PDB file of N, CA and C in Angstrom:
ATOM      1  N   MET A   1     -51.604 234.806 204.927  1.00  0.00           N
ATOM      2  CA  MET A   1     -49.577 234.041 204.614  1.00  0.00           C
ATOM      3  C   MET A   1     -49.583 233.829 206.413  1.00  0.00           C
ATOM      4  N   LYS A   2     -49.594 232.171 207.079  1.00  0.00           N
ATOM      5  CA  LYS A   2     -48.740 232.533 208.302  1.00  0.00           C
ATOM      6  C   LYS A   2     -47.321 231.179 207.378  1.00  0.00           C
ATOM      7  N   THR A   3     -46.261 231.401 207.622  1.00  0.00           N
ATOM      8  CA  THR A   3     -45.501 230.782 208.471  1.00  0.00           C
ATOM      9  C   THR A   3     -44.642 230.090 210.337  1.00  0.00           C
ATOM     10  N   THR A   4     -44.136 229.321 209.846  1.00  0.00           N
ATOM     11  CA  THR A   4     -43.259 228.966 211.247  1.00  0.00           C
ATOM     12  C   THR A   4     -41.677 228.290 210.882  1.00  0.00           C
ATOM     13  N   ASN A   5     -41.390 229.127 211.573  1.00  0.00           N
ATOM     14  CA  ASN A   5     -39.363 228.771 211.599  1.00  0.00           C
ATOM     15  C   ASN A   5     -39.137 229.256 209.920  1.00  0.00           C
ATOM     16  N   GLY A   6     -39.792 230.686 209.800  1.00  0.00           N
ATOM     17  CA  GLY A   6     -39.187 231.756 208.759  1.00  0.00           C
ATOM     18  C   GLY A   6     -39.569 232.598 208.443  1.00  0.00           C
ATOM     19  N   ASN A   7     -38.635 233.499 207.757  1.00  0.00           N
ATOM     20  CA  ASN A   7     -39.026 234.672 207.613  1.00  0.00           C
ATOM     21  C   ASN A   7     -40.475 234.726 206.146  1.00  0.00           C
ATOM     22  N   VAL A   8     -41.183 236.763 206.411  1.00  0.00           N
ATOM     23  CA  VAL A   8     -42.653 236.622 205.489  1.00  0.00           C
ATOM     24  C   VAL A   8     -41.229 238.144 205.252  1.00  0.00           C
ATOM     25  N   GLN A   9     -41.647 238.752 203.688  1.00  0.00           N
ATOM     26  CA  GLN A   9     -41.109 239.994 203.051  1.00  0.00           C
ATOM     27  C   GLN A   9     -42.377 239.757 201.698  1.00  0.00           C
ATOM     28  N   PHE A  10     -43.498 240.773 201.984  1.00  0.00           N
ATOM     29  CA  PHE A  10     -43.899 241.587 200.703  1.00  0.00           C
ATOM     30  C   PHE A  10     -43.618 242.659 200.402  1.00  0.00           C
ATOM     31  N   ARG A  11     -44.183 243.226 199.537  1.00  0.00           N
ATOM     32  CA  ARG A  11     -44.010 244.302 198.791  1.00  0.00           C
ATOM     33  C   ARG A  11     -45.337 244.140 197.908  1.00  0.00           C
ATOM     34  N   GLY A  12     -46.264 245.305 197.818  1.00  0.00           N
ATOM     35  CA  GLY A  12     -47.161 245.490 196.597  1.00  0.00           C
ATOM     36  C   GLY A  12     -48.127 246.423 197.615  1.00  0.00           C
ATOM     37  N   ASN A  13     -49.462 246.667 196.719  1.00  0.00           N
ATOM     38  CA  ASN A  13     -50.273 247.548 197.131  1.00  0.00           C
ATOM     39  C   ASN A  13     -51.736 246.830 197.732  1.00  0.00           C
ATOM     40  N   PRO A  14     -51.931 245.833 198.441  1.00  0.00           N
ATOM     41  CA  PRO A  14     -52.626 245.267 198.489  1.00  0.00           C
ATOM     42  C   PRO A  14     -54.376 245.687 199.077  1.00  0.00           C
ATOM     43  N   GLY A  15     -55.198 244.733 199.188  1.00  0.00           N
ATOM     44  CA  GLY A  15     -56.200 245.092 199.706  1.00  0.00           C
ATOM     45  C   GLY A  15     -55.999 244.740 201.460  1.00  0.00           C
ATOM     46  N   TYR A  16     -57.065 243.618 201.686  1.00  0.00           N
ATOM     47  CA  TYR A  16     -56.430 242.815 203.444  1.00  0.00           C
ATOM     48  C   TYR A  16     -55.441 242.194 203.135  1.00  0.00           C
ATOM     49  N   LEU A  17     -54.554 242.422 203.956  1.00  0.00           N
ATOM     50  CA  LEU A  17     -53.055 241.696 204.294  1.00  0.00           C
ATOM     51  C   LEU A  17     -53.143 240.824 205.284  1.00  0.00           C
ATOM     52  N   GLU A  18     -53.030 239.872 205.837  1.00  0.00           N
ATOM     53  CA  GLU A  18     -52.839 239.191 207.210  1.00  0.00           C
ATOM     54  C   GLU A  18     -51.255 238.353 206.936  1.00  0.00           C
ATOM     55  N   ILE A  19     -50.321 238.886 207.590  1.00  0.00           N
ATOM     56  CA  ILE A  19     -49.055 237.894 208.164  1.00  0.00           C
ATOM     57  C   ILE A  19     -48.945 237.334 208.906  1.00  0.00           C
ATOM     58  N   LYS A  20     -48.941 236.230 209.414  1.00  0.00           N
ATOM     59  CA  LYS A  20     -48.482 235.960 210.654  1.00  0.00           C
ATOM     60  C   LYS A  20     -46.892 234.943 210.586  1.00  0.00           C
ATOM     61  N   THR A  21     -46.157 235.195 211.711  1.00  0.00           N
ATOM     62  CA  THR A  21     -45.517 234.221 211.927  1.00  0.00           C
ATOM     63  C   THR A  21     -44.848 233.355 212.898  1.00  0.00           C
ATOM     64  N   THR A  22     -43.871 232.382 213.294  1.00  0.00           N
ATOM     65  CA  THR A  22     -43.504 232.490 214.664  1.00  0.00           C
ATOM     66  C   THR A  22     -42.097 231.774 214.435  1.00  0.00           C
ATOM     67  N   ASN A  23     -41.228 232.861 214.561  1.00  0.00           N
ATOM     68  CA  ASN A  23     -39.618 232.280 215.013  1.00  0.00           C
ATOM     69  C   ASN A  23     -39.293 233.003 213.602  1.00  0.00           C
ATOM     70  N   GLY A  24     -40.031 233.919 213.013  1.00  0.00           N
ATOM     71  CA  GLY A  24     -39.737 235.167 211.959  1.00  0.00           C
ATOM     72  C   GLY A  24     -39.695 236.059 212.106  1.00  0.00           C
ATOM     73  N   ASN A  25     -39.397 236.797 210.901  1.00  0.00           N
ATOM     74  CA  ASN A  25     -39.378 237.887 211.057  1.00  0.00           C
ATOM     75  C   ASN A  25     -40.396 238.339 209.957  1.00  0.00           C
ATOM     76  N   ILE A  26     -41.038 239.932 210.009  1.00  0.00           N
ATOM     77  CA  ILE A  26     -41.666 240.147 208.793  1.00  0.00           C
ATOM     78  C   ILE A  26     -41.377 241.918 208.327  1.00  0.00           C
ATOM     79  N   ARG A  27     -41.053 241.517 206.641  1.00  0.00           N
ATOM     80  CA  ARG A  27     -40.611 242.768 206.450  1.00  0.00           C
ATOM     81  C   ARG A  27     -41.185 243.007 205.400  1.00  0.00           C
ATOM     82  N   ALA A  28     -42.474 244.577 205.557  1.00  0.00           N
ATOM     83  CA  ALA A  28     -43.445 244.639 204.355  1.00  0.00           C
ATOM     84  C   ALA A  28     -42.918 245.920 203.773  1.00  0.00           C
ATOM     85  N   SER A  29     -43.511 246.403 202.969  1.00  0.00           N
ATOM     86  CA  SER A  29     -43.589 247.745 202.102  1.00  0.00           C
ATOM     87  C   SER A  29     -44.455 248.029 201.720  1.00  0.00           C
ATOM     88  N   VAL A  30     -45.963 248.646 201.838  1.00  0.00           N
ATOM     89  CA  VAL A  30     -47.105 249.223 201.225  1.00  0.00           C
ATOM     90  C   VAL A  30     -47.372 250.499 201.210  1.00  0.00           C
ATOM     91  N   ILE A  31     -47.132 250.914 200.329  1.00  0.00           N
ATOM     92  CA  ILE A  31     -47.328 252.430 200.101  1.00  0.00           C
ATOM     93  C   ILE A  31     -48.382 252.996 200.323  1.00  0.00           C
ATOM     94  N   GLN A  32     -48.936 251.781 199.646  1.00  0.00           N
ATOM     95  CA  GLN A  32     -50.679 252.382 199.274  1.00  0.00           C
ATOM     96  C   GLN A  32     -51.231 251.758 199.669  1.00  0.00           C
ATOM     97  N   LEU A  33     -51.660 251.780 201.721  1.00  0.00           N
ATOM     98  CA  LEU A  33     -52.774 250.654 201.563  1.00  0.00           C
ATOM     99  C   LEU A  33     -54.239 250.738 201.110  1.00  0.00           C
ATOM    100  N   ARG A  34     -55.364 249.626 200.867  1.00  0.00           N
ATOM    101  CA  ARG A  34     -56.450 249.982 200.320  1.00  0.00           C
ATOM    102  C   ARG A  34     -57.832 249.317 201.068  1.00  0.00           C
ATOM    103  N   ASP A  35     -56.773 249.088 202.149  1.00  0.00           N
ATOM    104  CA  ASP A  35     -57.239 248.020 203.322  1.00  0.00           C
ATOM    105  C   ASP A  35     -56.960 247.776 204.608  1.00  0.00           C
ATOM    106  N   VAL A  36     -57.023 246.857 205.314  1.00  0.00           N
ATOM    107  CA  VAL A  36     -56.433 246.966 206.866  1.00  0.00           C
ATOM    108  C   VAL A  36     -54.848 245.517 206.434  1.00  0.00           C
ATOM    109  N   ALA A  37     -53.106 245.934 207.596  1.00  0.00           N
ATOM    110  CA  ALA A  37     -52.768 245.122 207.368  1.00  0.00           C
ATOM    111  C   ALA A  37     -52.419 244.951 208.930  1.00  0.00           C
ATOM    112  N   GLN A  38     -52.284 243.683 209.182  1.00  0.00           N
ATOM    113  CA  GLN A  38     -52.329 243.299 210.117  1.00  0.00           C
ATOM    114  C   GLN A  38     -50.889 242.482 210.178  1.00  0.00           C
ATOM    115  N   PHE A  39     -49.852 242.634 211.205  1.00  0.00           N
ATOM    116  CA  PHE A  39     -48.832 241.890 211.478  1.00  0.00           C
ATOM    117  C   PHE A  39     -48.328 240.899 212.538  1.00  0.00           C
ATOM    118  N   GLU A  40     -48.391 239.525 212.795  1.00  0.00           N
ATOM    119  CA  GLU A  40     -48.039 239.321 214.127  1.00  0.00           C
ATOM    120  C   GLU A  40     -47.267 238.152 214.554  1.00  0.00           C
ATOM    121  N   THR A  41     -46.041 238.595 215.184  1.00  0.00           N
ATOM    122  CA  THR A  41     -44.553 237.569 215.238  1.00  0.00           C
ATOM    123  C   THR A  41     -44.663 237.270 216.686  1.00  0.00           C
ATOM    124  N   THR A  42     -43.961 235.703 217.051  1.00  0.00           N
ATOM    125  CA  THR A  42     -43.643 235.286 218.025  1.00  0.00           C
ATOM    126  C   THR A  42     -42.605 234.866 217.564  1.00  0.00           C
ATOM    127  N   ASN A  43     -41.982 235.495 218.520  1.00  0.00           N
ATOM    128  CA  ASN A  43     -40.015 235.855 218.595  1.00  0.00           C
ATOM    129  C   ASN A  43     -39.628 236.112 217.081  1.00  0.00           C
ATOM    130  N   GLY A  44     -40.005 237.197 217.292  1.00  0.00           N
ATOM    131  CA  GLY A  44     -39.168 237.774 215.981  1.00  0.00           C
ATOM    132  C   GLY A  44     -39.303 239.238 215.790  1.00  0.00           C
ATOM    133  N   MET A  45     -39.563 239.990 214.559  1.00  0.00           N
ATOM    134  CA  MET A  45     -39.057 241.430 214.558  1.00  0.00           C
ATOM    135  C   MET A  45     -40.549 241.256 213.085  1.00  0.00           C
ATOM    136  N   VAL A  46     -40.900 242.326 213.750  1.00  0.00           N
ATOM    137  CA  VAL A  46     -41.468 243.390 212.567  1.00  0.00           C
ATOM    138  C   VAL A  46     -41.009 244.666 212.191  1.00  0.00           C
ATOM    139  N   SER A  47     -41.056 244.929 210.968  1.00  0.00           N
ATOM    140  CA  SER A  47     -40.265 245.591 210.220  1.00  0.00           C
ATOM    141  C   SER A  47     -40.996 245.824 208.734  1.00  0.00           C
ATOM    142  N   GLY A  48     -41.023 247.379 208.845  1.00  0.00           N
ATOM    143  CA  GLY A  48     -41.666 247.865 207.407  1.00  0.00           C
ATOM    144  C   GLY A  48     -42.526 249.591 207.016  1.00  0.00           C
ATOM    145  N   ILE A  49     -42.732 249.194 205.897  1.00  0.00           N
ATOM    146  CA  ILE A  49     -43.680 250.862 205.674  1.00  0.00           C
ATOM    147  C   ILE A  49     -44.926 250.747 205.227  1.00  0.00           C
ATOM    148  N   ALA A  50     -45.945 251.213 206.086  1.00  0.00           N
ATOM    149  CA  ALA A  50     -47.185 250.932 205.738  1.00  0.00           C
ATOM    150  C   ALA A  50     -47.993 251.499 207.100  1.00  0.00           C
ATOM    151  N   PRO A  51     -49.559 251.620 207.054  1.00  0.00           N
ATOM    152  CA  PRO A  51     -50.069 251.649 208.238  1.00  0.00           C
ATOM    153  C   PRO A  51     -50.866 250.732 208.561  1.00  0.00           C
ATOM    154  N   ILE A  52     -50.242 250.368 209.323  1.00  0.00           N
ATOM    155  CA  ILE A  52     -50.168 248.586 209.671  1.00  0.00           C
ATOM    156  C   ILE A  52     -50.948 248.599 211.102  1.00  0.00           C
ATOM    157  N   SER A  53     -51.246 247.555 211.296  1.00  0.00           N
ATOM    158  CA  SER A  53     -51.369 246.693 212.554  1.00  0.00           C
ATOM    159  C   SER A  53     -50.405 245.937 212.977  1.00  0.00           C
ATOM    160  N   ALA A  54     -49.791 245.526 213.553  1.00  0.00           N
ATOM    161  CA  ALA A  54     -48.695 244.734 214.042  1.00  0.00           C
ATOM    162  C   ALA A  54     -48.531 244.423 215.877  1.00  0.00           C
ATOM    163  N   VAL A  55     -48.236 242.963 215.802  1.00  0.00           N
ATOM    164  CA  VAL A  55     -48.294 243.049 217.218  1.00  0.00           C
ATOM    165  C   VAL A  55     -46.355 242.185 217.071  1.00  0.00           C
ATOM    166  N   THR A  56     -45.785 242.126 218.565  1.00  0.00           N
ATOM    167  CA  THR A  56     -44.801 240.968 218.374  1.00  0.00           C
ATOM    168  C   THR A  56     -44.559 240.903 220.253  1.00  0.00           C
ATOM    169  N   THR A  57     -44.421 239.362 220.389  1.00  0.00           N
ATOM    170  CA  THR A  57     -43.881 239.292 221.706  1.00  0.00           C
ATOM    171  C   THR A  57     -42.759 239.628 221.909  1.00  0.00           C
ATOM    172  N   ASN A  58     -41.633 238.288 220.897  1.00  0.00           N
ATOM    173  CA  ASN A  58     -39.812 238.597 221.380  1.00  0.00           C
ATOM    174  C   ASN A  58     -39.182 239.678 220.592  1.00  0.00           C
ATOM    175  N   GLY A  59     -39.660 240.552 220.170  1.00  0.00           N
ATOM    176  CA  GLY A  59     -39.180 240.668 219.187  1.00  0.00           C
ATOM    177  C   GLY A  59     -39.418 242.595 218.608  1.00  0.00           C
ATOM    178  N   SER A  60     -38.360 243.281 218.107  1.00  0.00           N
ATOM    179  CA  SER A  60     -39.363 244.818 218.053  1.00  0.00           C
ATOM    180  C   SER A  60     -39.817 244.909 216.319  1.00  0.00           C
ATOM    181  N   ILE A  61     -40.434 246.096 216.419  1.00  0.00           N
ATOM    182  CA  ILE A  61     -41.446 247.370 215.857  1.00  0.00           C
ATOM    183  C   ILE A  61     -40.778 247.892 215.106  1.00  0.00           C
ATOM    184  N   ASP A  62     -40.676 247.776 213.534  1.00  0.00           N
ATOM    185  CA  ASP A  62     -39.880 249.325 212.608  1.00  0.00           C
ATOM    186  C   ASP A  62     -40.611 249.231 211.798  1.00  0.00           C
ATOM    187  N   VAL A  63     -41.395 251.081 211.877  1.00  0.00           N
ATOM    188  CA  VAL A  63     -42.806 251.207 211.416  1.00  0.00           C
ATOM    189  C   VAL A  63     -42.192 252.306 209.991  1.00  0.00           C
ATOM    190  N   THR A  64     -42.066 252.681 209.555  1.00  0.00           N
ATOM    191  CA  THR A  64     -41.568 253.914 208.459  1.00  0.00           C
ATOM    192  C   THR A  64     -43.530 253.985 207.633  1.00  0.00           C
ATOM    193  N   LEU A  65     -43.241 255.326 207.624  1.00  0.00           N
ATOM    194  CA  LEU A  65     -44.767 256.217 207.484  1.00  0.00           C
ATOM    195  C   LEU A  65     -44.460 256.913 206.539  1.00  0.00           C
ATOM    196  N   PRO A  66     -45.122 257.882 205.213  1.00  0.00           N
ATOM    197  CA  PRO A  66     -44.374 258.494 204.455  1.00  0.00           C
ATOM    198  C   PRO A  66     -44.989 260.341 205.694  1.00  0.00           C
ATOM    199  N   ALA A  67     -44.055 261.146 205.141  1.00  0.00           N
ATOM    200  CA  ALA A  67     -43.842 262.096 206.109  1.00  0.00           C
ATOM    201  C   ALA A  67     -44.878 262.998 205.567  1.00  0.00           C
ATOM    202  N   ASN A  68     -46.252 263.085 205.260  1.00  0.00           N
ATOM    203  CA  ASN A  68     -47.182 263.574 205.257  1.00  0.00           C
ATOM    204  C   ASN A  68     -48.163 262.706 205.969  1.00  0.00           C
ATOM    205  N   PHE A  69     -47.916 261.842 206.696  1.00  0.00           N
ATOM    206  CA  PHE A  69     -48.982 260.690 206.935  1.00  0.00           C
ATOM    207  C   PHE A  69     -49.909 261.836 207.910  1.00  0.00           C
ATOM    208  N   SER A  70     -51.577 261.538 207.733  1.00  0.00           N
ATOM    209  CA  SER A  70     -52.182 261.950 208.730  1.00  0.00           C
ATOM    210  C   SER A  70     -53.441 260.715 209.230  1.00  0.00           C
ATOM    211  N   GLY A  71     -53.082 260.851 210.284  1.00  0.00           N
ATOM    212  CA  GLY A  71     -54.374 259.771 211.278  1.00  0.00           C
ATOM    213  C   GLY A  71     -53.408 259.369 212.595  1.00  0.00           C
ATOM    214  N   LYS A  72     -54.042 258.464 213.080  1.00  0.00           N
ATOM    215  CA  LYS A  72     -53.740 257.769 214.985  1.00  0.00           C
ATOM    216  C   LYS A  72     -52.467 257.318 214.859  1.00  0.00           C
ATOM    217  N   LEU A  73     -51.875 257.140 215.609  1.00  0.00           N
ATOM    218  CA  LEU A  73     -50.910 256.586 216.462  1.00  0.00           C
ATOM    219  C   LEU A  73     -51.122 255.674 217.809  1.00  0.00           C
ATOM    220  N   GLU A  74     -50.857 254.569 217.781  1.00  0.00           N
ATOM    221  CA  GLU A  74     -50.980 253.773 219.261  1.00  0.00           C
ATOM    222  C   GLU A  74     -50.375 252.786 219.388  1.00  0.00           C
ATOM    223  N   ALA A  75     -49.267 253.453 220.224  1.00  0.00           N
ATOM    224  CA  ALA A  75     -48.167 252.474 219.899  1.00  0.00           C
ATOM    225  C   ALA A  75     -47.462 252.135 221.756  1.00  0.00           C
ATOM    226  N   ARG A  76     -47.547 251.145 221.699  1.00  0.00           N
ATOM    227  CA  ARG A  76     -47.226 251.040 222.929  1.00  0.00           C
ATOM    228  C   ARG A  76     -45.957 249.644 223.037  1.00  0.00           C
ATOM    229  N   THR A  77     -45.150 249.454 224.610  1.00  0.00           N
ATOM    230  CA  THR A  77     -44.269 248.131 224.345  1.00  0.00           C
ATOM    231  C   THR A  77     -44.486 247.677 226.205  1.00  0.00           C
ATOM    232  N   VAL A  78     -44.360 246.927 226.783  1.00  0.00           N
ATOM    233  CA  VAL A  78     -44.066 246.699 227.738  1.00  0.00           C
ATOM    234  C   VAL A  78     -42.765 246.742 228.423  1.00  0.00           C
ATOM    235  N   ASN A  79     -41.827 246.056 227.839  1.00  0.00           N
ATOM    236  CA  ASN A  79     -40.681 245.710 228.106  1.00  0.00           C
ATOM    237  C   ASN A  79     -39.397 246.149 227.494  1.00  0.00           C
ATOM    238  N   GLY A  80     -39.772 247.322 226.753  1.00  0.00           N
ATOM    239  CA  GLY A  80     -39.083 248.879 225.632  1.00  0.00           C
ATOM    240  C   GLY A  80     -38.928 250.097 226.092  1.00  0.00           C
ATOM    241  N   ARG A  81     -38.488 250.588 224.762  1.00  0.00           N
ATOM    242  CA  ARG A  81     -39.382 251.872 224.209  1.00  0.00           C
ATOM    243  C   ARG A  81     -40.121 252.069 223.238  1.00  0.00           C
ATOM    244  N   ALA A  82     -40.847 253.018 223.402  1.00  0.00           N
ATOM    245  CA  ALA A  82     -41.149 253.650 221.907  1.00  0.00           C
ATOM    246  C   ALA A  82     -40.976 255.005 221.893  1.00  0.00           C
ATOM    247  N   HIS A  83     -40.661 255.043 219.992  1.00  0.00           N
ATOM    248  CA  HIS A  83     -39.883 256.485 219.830  1.00  0.00           C
ATOM    249  C   HIS A  83     -41.057 256.704 218.645  1.00  0.00           C
ATOM    250  N   SER A  84     -41.121 257.774 217.786  1.00  0.00           N
ATOM    251  CA  SER A  84     -41.502 258.488 217.231  1.00  0.00           C
ATOM    252  C   SER A  84     -41.601 259.531 215.889  1.00  0.00           C
ATOM    253  N   ALA A  85     -40.547 259.648 214.627  1.00  0.00           N
ATOM    254  CA  ALA A  85     -40.399 260.803 214.201  1.00  0.00           C
ATOM    255  C   ALA A  85     -40.851 261.961 214.172  1.00  0.00           C
ATOM    256  N   PHE A  86     -42.204 261.727 214.342  1.00  0.00           N
ATOM    257  CA  PHE A  86     -43.148 262.378 214.546  1.00  0.00           C
ATOM    258  C   PHE A  86     -43.420 263.031 215.589  1.00  0.00           C
ATOM    259  N   ASP A  87     -43.959 264.635 215.260  1.00  0.00           N
ATOM    260  CA  ASP A  87     -44.265 265.101 216.596  1.00  0.00           C
ATOM    261  C   ASP A  87     -45.371 264.783 217.595  1.00  0.00           C
ATOM    262  N   ILE A  88     -45.372 264.204 218.193  1.00  0.00           N
ATOM    263  CA  ILE A  88     -46.910 263.410 219.323  1.00  0.00           C
ATOM    264  C   ILE A  88     -46.382 263.455 221.001  1.00  0.00           C
ATOM    265  N   SER A  89     -47.453 263.114 221.783  1.00  0.00           N
ATOM    266  CA  SER A  89     -46.938 263.262 223.032  1.00  0.00           C
ATOM    267  C   SER A  89     -47.125 262.050 223.447  1.00  0.00           C
ATOM    268  N   ARG A  90     -46.758 262.325 225.200  1.00  0.00           N
ATOM    269  CA  ARG A  90     -46.483 261.222 225.758  1.00  0.00           C
ATOM    270  C   ARG A  90     -47.974 261.019 226.910  1.00  0.00           C
ATOM    271  N   PRO A  91     -48.577 259.828 226.812  1.00  0.00           N
ATOM    272  CA  PRO A  91     -49.799 260.222 228.169  1.00  0.00           C
ATOM    273  C   PRO A  91     -49.460 260.483 229.046  1.00  0.00           C
ATOM    274  N   ALA A  92     -50.100 261.685 230.291  1.00  0.00           N
ATOM    275  CA  ALA A  92     -49.698 262.550 231.107  1.00  0.00           C
ATOM    276  C   ALA A  92     -49.035 260.974 232.079  1.00  0.00           C
ATOM    277  N   GLY A  93     -47.723 261.182 232.908  1.00  0.00           N
ATOM    278  CA  GLY A  93     -47.948 259.678 233.442  1.00  0.00           C
ATOM    279  C   GLY A  93     -47.100 258.579 233.175  1.00  0.00           C
ATOM    280  N   SER A  94     -47.001 257.938 231.242  1.00  0.00           N
ATOM    281  CA  SER A  94     -46.787 257.569 230.984  1.00  0.00           C
ATOM    282  C   SER A  94     -44.974 257.219 231.561  1.00  0.00           C
ATOM    283  N   ARG A  95     -44.591 256.330 230.733  1.00  0.00           N
ATOM    284  CA  ARG A  95     -43.460 255.786 230.323  1.00  0.00           C
ATOM    285  C   ARG A  95     -42.810 256.027 229.217  1.00  0.00           C
ATOM    286  N   GLN A  96     -41.097 255.794 229.251  1.00  0.00           N
ATOM    287  CA  GLN A  96     -40.653 255.946 227.806  1.00  0.00           C
ATOM    288  C   GLN A  96     -41.951 254.949 226.529  1.00  0.00           C
ATOM    289  N   ASN A  97     -42.724 253.920 227.646  1.00  0.00           N
ATOM    290  CA  ASN A  97     -43.102 252.936 226.826  1.00  0.00           C
ATOM    291  C   ASN A  97     -44.440 253.128 226.032  1.00  0.00           C
ATOM    292  N   THR A  98     -44.983 254.582 225.756  1.00  0.00           N
ATOM    293  CA  THR A  98     -46.009 253.927 225.073  1.00  0.00           C
ATOM    294  C   THR A  98     -46.442 255.645 224.848  1.00  0.00           C
ATOM    295  N   LEU A  99     -47.395 255.030 223.622  1.00  0.00           N
ATOM    296  CA  LEU A  99     -47.322 256.248 222.497  1.00  0.00           C
ATOM    297  C   LEU A  99     -48.641 257.159 221.885  1.00  0.00           C
ATOM    298  N   PHE A 100     -49.000 257.807 222.031  1.00  0.00           N
ATOM    299  CA  PHE A 100     -50.663 257.599 221.737  1.00  0.00           C
ATOM    300  C   PHE A 100     -51.022 258.995 221.145  1.00  0.00           C
ATOM    301  N   GLY A 101     -51.504 259.504 219.441  1.00  0.00           N
ATOM    302  CA  GLY A 101     -51.836 260.810 219.476  1.00  0.00           C
ATOM    303  C   GLY A 101     -52.543 260.577 217.781  1.00  0.00           C
ATOM    304  N   SER A 102     -52.359 262.036 217.592  1.00  0.00           N
ATOM    305  CA  SER A 102     -53.001 262.509 215.944  1.00  0.00           C
ATOM    306  C   SER A 102     -51.148 262.187 215.546  1.00  0.00           C
ATOM    307  N   LEU A 103     -51.166 262.406 214.486  1.00  0.00           N
ATOM    308  CA  LEU A 103     -49.853 262.756 213.498  1.00  0.00           C
ATOM    309  C   LEU A 103     -50.448 262.898 212.263  1.00  0.00           C
ATOM    310  N   GLY A 104     -49.439 263.949 211.429  1.00  0.00           N
ATOM    311  CA  GLY A 104     -50.414 265.590 210.682  1.00  0.00           C
ATOM    312  C   GLY A 104     -51.478 265.491 211.228  1.00  0.00           C
ATOM    313  N   SER A 105     -52.497 265.671 210.225  1.00  0.00           N
ATOM    314  CA  SER A 105     -53.599 266.394 210.485  1.00  0.00           C
ATOM    315  C   SER A 105     -55.041 265.242 211.599  1.00  0.00           C
ATOM    316  N   GLY A 106     -53.940 264.227 211.510  1.00  0.00           N
ATOM    317  CA  GLY A 106     -55.078 263.383 212.122  1.00  0.00           C
ATOM    318  C   GLY A 106     -55.886 262.355 210.839  1.00  0.00           C
ATOM    319  N   GLY A 107     -57.385 261.889 211.696  1.00  0.00           N
ATOM    320  CA  GLY A 107     -58.283 261.348 210.584  1.00  0.00           C
ATOM    321  C   GLY A 107     -58.416 259.542 211.545  1.00  0.00           C
ATOM    322  N   ASP A 108     -59.286 259.082 210.092  1.00  0.00           N
ATOM    323  CA  ASP A 108     -59.443 257.895 210.275  1.00  0.00           C
ATOM    324  C   ASP A 108     -58.419 256.655 210.722  1.00  0.00           C
ATOM    325  N   THR A 109     -57.034 256.862 209.676  1.00  0.00           N
ATOM    326  CA  THR A 109     -56.176 256.126 209.387  1.00  0.00           C
ATOM    327  C   THR A 109     -55.973 255.851 211.256  1.00  0.00           C
ATOM    328  N   LEU A 110     -55.902 254.445 210.878  1.00  0.00           N
ATOM    329  CA  LEU A 110     -55.188 254.200 212.835  1.00  0.00           C
ATOM    330  C   LEU A 110     -53.784 252.942 212.592  1.00  0.00           C
ATOM    331  N   VAL A 111     -52.841 253.585 213.185  1.00  0.00           N
ATOM    332  CA  VAL A 111     -51.332 252.939 213.240  1.00  0.00           C
ATOM    333  C   VAL A 111     -50.762 252.272 214.702  1.00  0.00           C
ATOM    334  N   GLN A 112     -51.858 251.267 214.337  1.00  0.00           N
ATOM    335  CA  GLN A 112     -51.508 250.373 215.918  1.00  0.00           C
ATOM    336  C   GLN A 112     -50.477 249.024 215.983  1.00  0.00           C
ATOM    337  N   LEU A 113     -49.623 249.783 216.700  1.00  0.00           N
ATOM    338  CA  LEU A 113     -47.916 248.252 217.373  1.00  0.00           C
ATOM    339  C   LEU A 113     -48.437 248.440 218.426  1.00  0.00           C
ATOM    340  N   ARG A 114     -47.847 246.771 219.514  1.00  0.00           N
ATOM    341  CA  ARG A 114     -47.803 246.184 220.307  1.00  0.00           C
ATOM    342  C   ARG A 114     -46.680 245.573 220.525  1.00  0.00           C
ATOM    343  N   ALA A 115     -45.742 245.786 221.476  1.00  0.00           N
ATOM    344  CA  ALA A 115     -44.546 244.674 221.646  1.00  0.00           C
ATOM    345  C   ALA A 115     -44.626 244.542 223.159  1.00  0.00           C
ATOM    346  N   VAL A 116     -44.066 243.062 223.116  1.00  0.00           N
ATOM    347  CA  VAL A 116     -43.927 242.875 224.429  1.00  0.00           C
ATOM    348  C   VAL A 116     -42.776 242.880 224.773  1.00  0.00           C
ATOM    349  N   ASN A 117     -41.849 241.947 224.451  1.00  0.00           N
ATOM    350  CA  ASN A 117     -40.086 242.672 224.826  1.00  0.00           C
ATOM    351  C   ASN A 117     -39.361 242.685 223.812  1.00  0.00           C
ATOM    352  N   GLY A 118     -39.392 244.062 223.443  1.00  0.00           N
ATOM    353  CA  GLY A 118     -38.897 245.272 222.044  1.00  0.00           C
ATOM    354  C   GLY A 118     -39.528 246.104 222.323  1.00  0.00           C
ATOM    355  N   ASN A 119     -38.965 247.528 221.503  1.00  0.00           N
ATOM    356  CA  ASN A 119     -39.030 248.258 220.746  1.00  0.00           C
ATOM    357  C   ASN A 119     -39.706 248.381 220.105  1.00  0.00           C
ATOM    358  N   VAL A 120     -40.421 249.712 219.672  1.00  0.00           N
ATOM    359  CA  VAL A 120     -41.364 250.277 219.051  1.00  0.00           C
ATOM    360  C   VAL A 120     -40.790 251.695 218.451  1.00  0.00           C
ATOM    361  N   SER A 121     -40.724 251.556 216.983  1.00  0.00           N
ATOM    362  CA  SER A 121     -40.007 252.732 216.416  1.00  0.00           C
ATOM    363  C   SER A 121     -40.591 253.455 214.853  1.00  0.00           C
ATOM    364  N   VAL A 122     -41.517 254.285 214.821  1.00  0.00           N
ATOM    365  CA  VAL A 122     -41.979 254.845 213.941  1.00  0.00           C
ATOM    366  C   VAL A 122     -40.755 255.649 213.003  1.00  0.00           C
ATOM    367  N   TRP A 123     -41.021 255.703 212.175  1.00  0.00           N
ATOM    368  CA  TRP A 123     -40.242 256.792 211.157  1.00  0.00           C
ATOM    369  C   TRP A 123     -40.718 257.807 210.180  1.00  0.00           C
ATOM    370  N   LYS A 124     -39.930 257.892 210.029  1.00  0.00           N
ATOM    371  CA  LYS A 124     -40.284 258.998 208.507  1.00  0.00           C
ATOM    372  C   LYS A 124     -39.947 258.788 207.122  1.00  0.00           C
ATOM    373  N   LEU A 125     -40.731 258.638 206.753  1.00  0.00           N
ATOM    374  CA  LEU A 125     -40.540 258.294 205.332  1.00  0.00           C
ATOM    375  C   LEU A 125     -39.662 259.503 204.115  1.00  0.00           C
ATOM    376  N   GLN A 126     -38.747 259.980 204.157  1.00  0.00           N
ATOM    377  CA  GLN A 126     -38.068 261.010 203.335  1.00  0.00           C
ATOM    378  C   GLN A 126     -37.642 260.612 201.833  1.00  0.00           C
TER     379      GLN A 126
END
């Protein structure tokens, strides 16, 4: 799914999901992901509930995961801060812009978040 100058909103339990937008926001709610979800925006924000891969150039990423989520988190921003409601450590010598490590009991599910000019936040679904 692609759009220019528009927002994208998605809700459901997909297999493979890819959403790209220029000058728009992406909002997704995917509780049980059966494959990969990739979200990318230029000049917009990515927010949602899902194990995902998200990239933004000029906007923030705001992701909520189930409180019992187990997997890996790779979160980085160039000009912003990375925050997680889950217990996770920052790599030695890193600034407030990088989070890497296991969430819950670990596992193969990867949540990969990259921002250039914006914050990256990972929240727990209560």
